[in-house]
């Protein structure tokens, strides 16, 4: 399987130098579809989407925290005046604070999700 990936990379580099970019895209697209087919053939639909619920919970809560903190900080900066604009540097700082808050808020969910994946890996492959 890894040999196919290296072959694909080799074809990509060769085609980048010699051939048209459309051929590169075609070859890579064919390889992607082949690997998707192999993945579904080996583990099925259930295997591909196994663990999707914890991932949705993690990503959903991540975005909820980030947007809540970002919008709260922007409202705080505006002081109730919706016509007041927030400078881009301040928006960047608020984004950094919101990102940090989402990391702190999501760490417990991420730890649980990761441990579930590790346990499933041991049960499946060992």
Protein backbone atom coordinates (compact mmCIF):
# COMPACT_ATOMS: atom_id res chain seq x y z
CA UNK A 1 0.00 0.00 0.00
CA UNK A 2 2.82 2.42 0.85
CA UNK A 3 4.48 1.53 -2.43
CA UNK A 4 1.39 2.82 -4.21
CA UNK A 5 1.61 6.11 -2.34
CA UNK A 6 5.28 6.50 -3.30
CA UNK A 7 4.41 5.61 -6.88
CA UNK A 8 1.66 8.21 -6.84
CA UNK A 9 4.10 10.83 -5.53
CA UNK A 10 6.65 9.84 -8.16
CA UNK A 11 4.04 10.17 -10.90
CA UNK A 12 3.02 13.51 -9.45
CA UNK A 13 6.59 14.85 -9.52
CA UNK A 14 7.26 13.44 -12.99
CA UNK A 15 4.01 14.82 -14.36
CA UNK A 16 4.63 18.19 -12.75
CA UNK A 17 7.86 18.51 -14.63
CA UNK A 18 6.92 16.94 -17.96
CA UNK A 19 3.16 16.70 -18.37
CA UNK A 20 0.13 18.94 -18.17
CA UNK A 21 -1.35 19.74 -14.73
CA UNK A 22 -4.71 18.25 -15.80
CA UNK A 23 -3.12 14.82 -16.13
CA UNK A 24 -1.74 15.13 -12.60
CA UNK A 25 -5.18 15.95 -11.26
CA UNK A 26 -6.68 13.03 -13.17
CA UNK A 27 -4.12 10.54 -11.84
CA UNK A 28 -4.45 11.72 -8.24
CA UNK A 29 -8.25 11.64 -8.51
CA UNK A 30 -8.15 8.05 -9.74
CA UNK A 31 -5.88 7.05 -6.84
CA UNK A 32 -8.18 8.75 -4.34
CA UNK A 33 -11.22 6.88 -5.69
CA UNK A 34 -9.31 3.59 -5.62
CA UNK A 35 -8.37 4.08 -1.96
CA UNK A 36 -11.93 5.07 -1.05
CA UNK A 37 -13.17 1.89 -2.74
CA UNK A 38 -10.58 -0.23 -0.90
CA UNK A 39 -11.48 1.41 2.40
CA UNK A 40 -15.21 0.76 1.97
CA UNK A 41 -14.52 -2.77 0.74
CA UNK A 42 -12.37 -3.60 3.79
CA UNK A 43 -14.31 -1.95 6.64
CA UNK A 44 -17.66 -1.03 5.11
CA UNK A 45 -19.85 1.98 5.74
CA UNK A 46 -19.96 1.35 9.49
CA UNK A 47 -16.18 1.19 9.72
CA UNK A 48 -15.69 4.44 7.82
CA UNK A 49 -18.10 6.36 10.06
CA UNK A 50 -17.15 4.66 13.30
CA UNK A 51 -16.47 7.34 15.89
CA UNK A 52 -18.31 10.09 14.07
CA UNK A 53 -20.50 11.01 17.08
CA UNK A 54 -17.61 11.91 19.43
CA UNK A 55 -15.98 13.84 16.59
CA UNK A 56 -19.20 15.79 15.95
CA UNK A 57 -19.50 16.56 19.66
CA UNK A 58 -15.92 17.77 19.81
CA UNK A 59 -16.12 19.92 16.67
CA UNK A 60 -19.58 21.26 17.52
CA UNK A 61 -18.61 22.31 21.01
CA UNK A 62 -15.33 23.73 19.69
CA UNK A 63 -17.12 26.03 17.27
CA UNK A 64 -19.83 26.92 19.78
CA UNK A 65 -17.26 28.05 22.36
CA UNK A 66 -15.20 29.92 19.78
CA UNK A 67 -18.14 31.83 18.29
CA UNK A 68 -19.64 32.59 21.72
CA UNK A 69 -16.39 34.04 23.06
CA UNK A 70 -15.63 35.94 19.86
CA UNK A 71 -19.06 37.55 19.60
CA UNK A 72 -19.16 38.32 23.34
CA UNK A 73 -15.79 40.06 23.17
CA UNK A 74 -16.83 42.05 20.08
CA UNK A 75 -20.07 43.12 21.78
CA UNK A 76 -18.09 44.10 24.87
CA UNK A 77 -15.70 46.19 22.76
CA UNK A 78 -18.54 47.95 20.95
CA UNK A 79 -20.23 48.80 24.24
CA UNK A 80 -23.74 48.41 22.85
CA UNK A 81 -23.06 50.65 19.82
CA UNK A 82 -23.60 48.40 16.79
CA UNK A 83 -22.37 51.10 14.40
CA UNK A 84 -18.91 51.08 15.99
CA UNK A 85 -16.40 49.01 14.03
CA UNK A 86 -13.81 46.77 15.64
CA UNK A 87 -10.24 47.21 14.32
CA UNK A 88 -8.71 44.17 12.64
CA UNK A 89 -5.89 43.94 15.19
CA UNK A 90 -8.44 43.79 18.00
CA UNK A 91 -10.46 41.18 16.10
CA UNK A 92 -7.25 39.13 15.77
CA UNK A 93 -6.62 39.41 19.51
CA UNK A 94 -10.22 38.42 20.24
CA UNK A 95 -9.79 35.46 17.87
CA UNK A 96 -6.69 34.33 19.78
CA UNK A 97 -8.60 34.54 23.08
CA UNK A 98 -11.56 32.68 21.56
CA UNK A 99 -9.25 29.97 20.19
CA UNK A 100 -7.60 29.54 23.57
CA UNK A 101 -10.99 29.33 25.27
CA UNK A 102 -12.14 26.65 22.83
CA UNK A 103 -8.99 24.62 23.52
CA UNK A 104 -9.52 24.82 27.28
CA UNK A 105 -13.21 24.00 26.91
CA UNK A 106 -12.68 21.07 24.54
CA UNK A 107 -9.73 19.34 26.16
CA UNK A 108 -11.92 16.99 28.26
CA UNK A 109 -14.00 15.97 25.24
CA UNK A 110 -10.87 15.52 23.11
CA UNK A 111 -9.20 13.35 25.77
CA UNK A 112 -12.28 11.11 25.99
CA UNK A 113 -12.50 10.86 22.18
CA UNK A 114 -8.81 10.01 21.84
CA UNK A 115 -8.96 7.35 24.55
CA UNK A 116 -12.02 5.81 22.90
CA UNK A 117 -10.11 5.65 19.61
CA UNK A 118 -7.05 4.06 21.26
CA UNK A 119 -9.19 1.46 23.04
CA UNK A 120 -10.97 0.67 19.77
CA UNK A 121 -7.61 0.35 17.99
CA UNK A 122 -6.37 -2.17 20.56
CA UNK A 123 -9.60 -4.17 20.39
CA UNK A 124 -9.60 -4.19 16.59
CA UNK A 125 -5.98 -4.70 15.64
CA UNK A 126 -4.31 -6.49 18.53
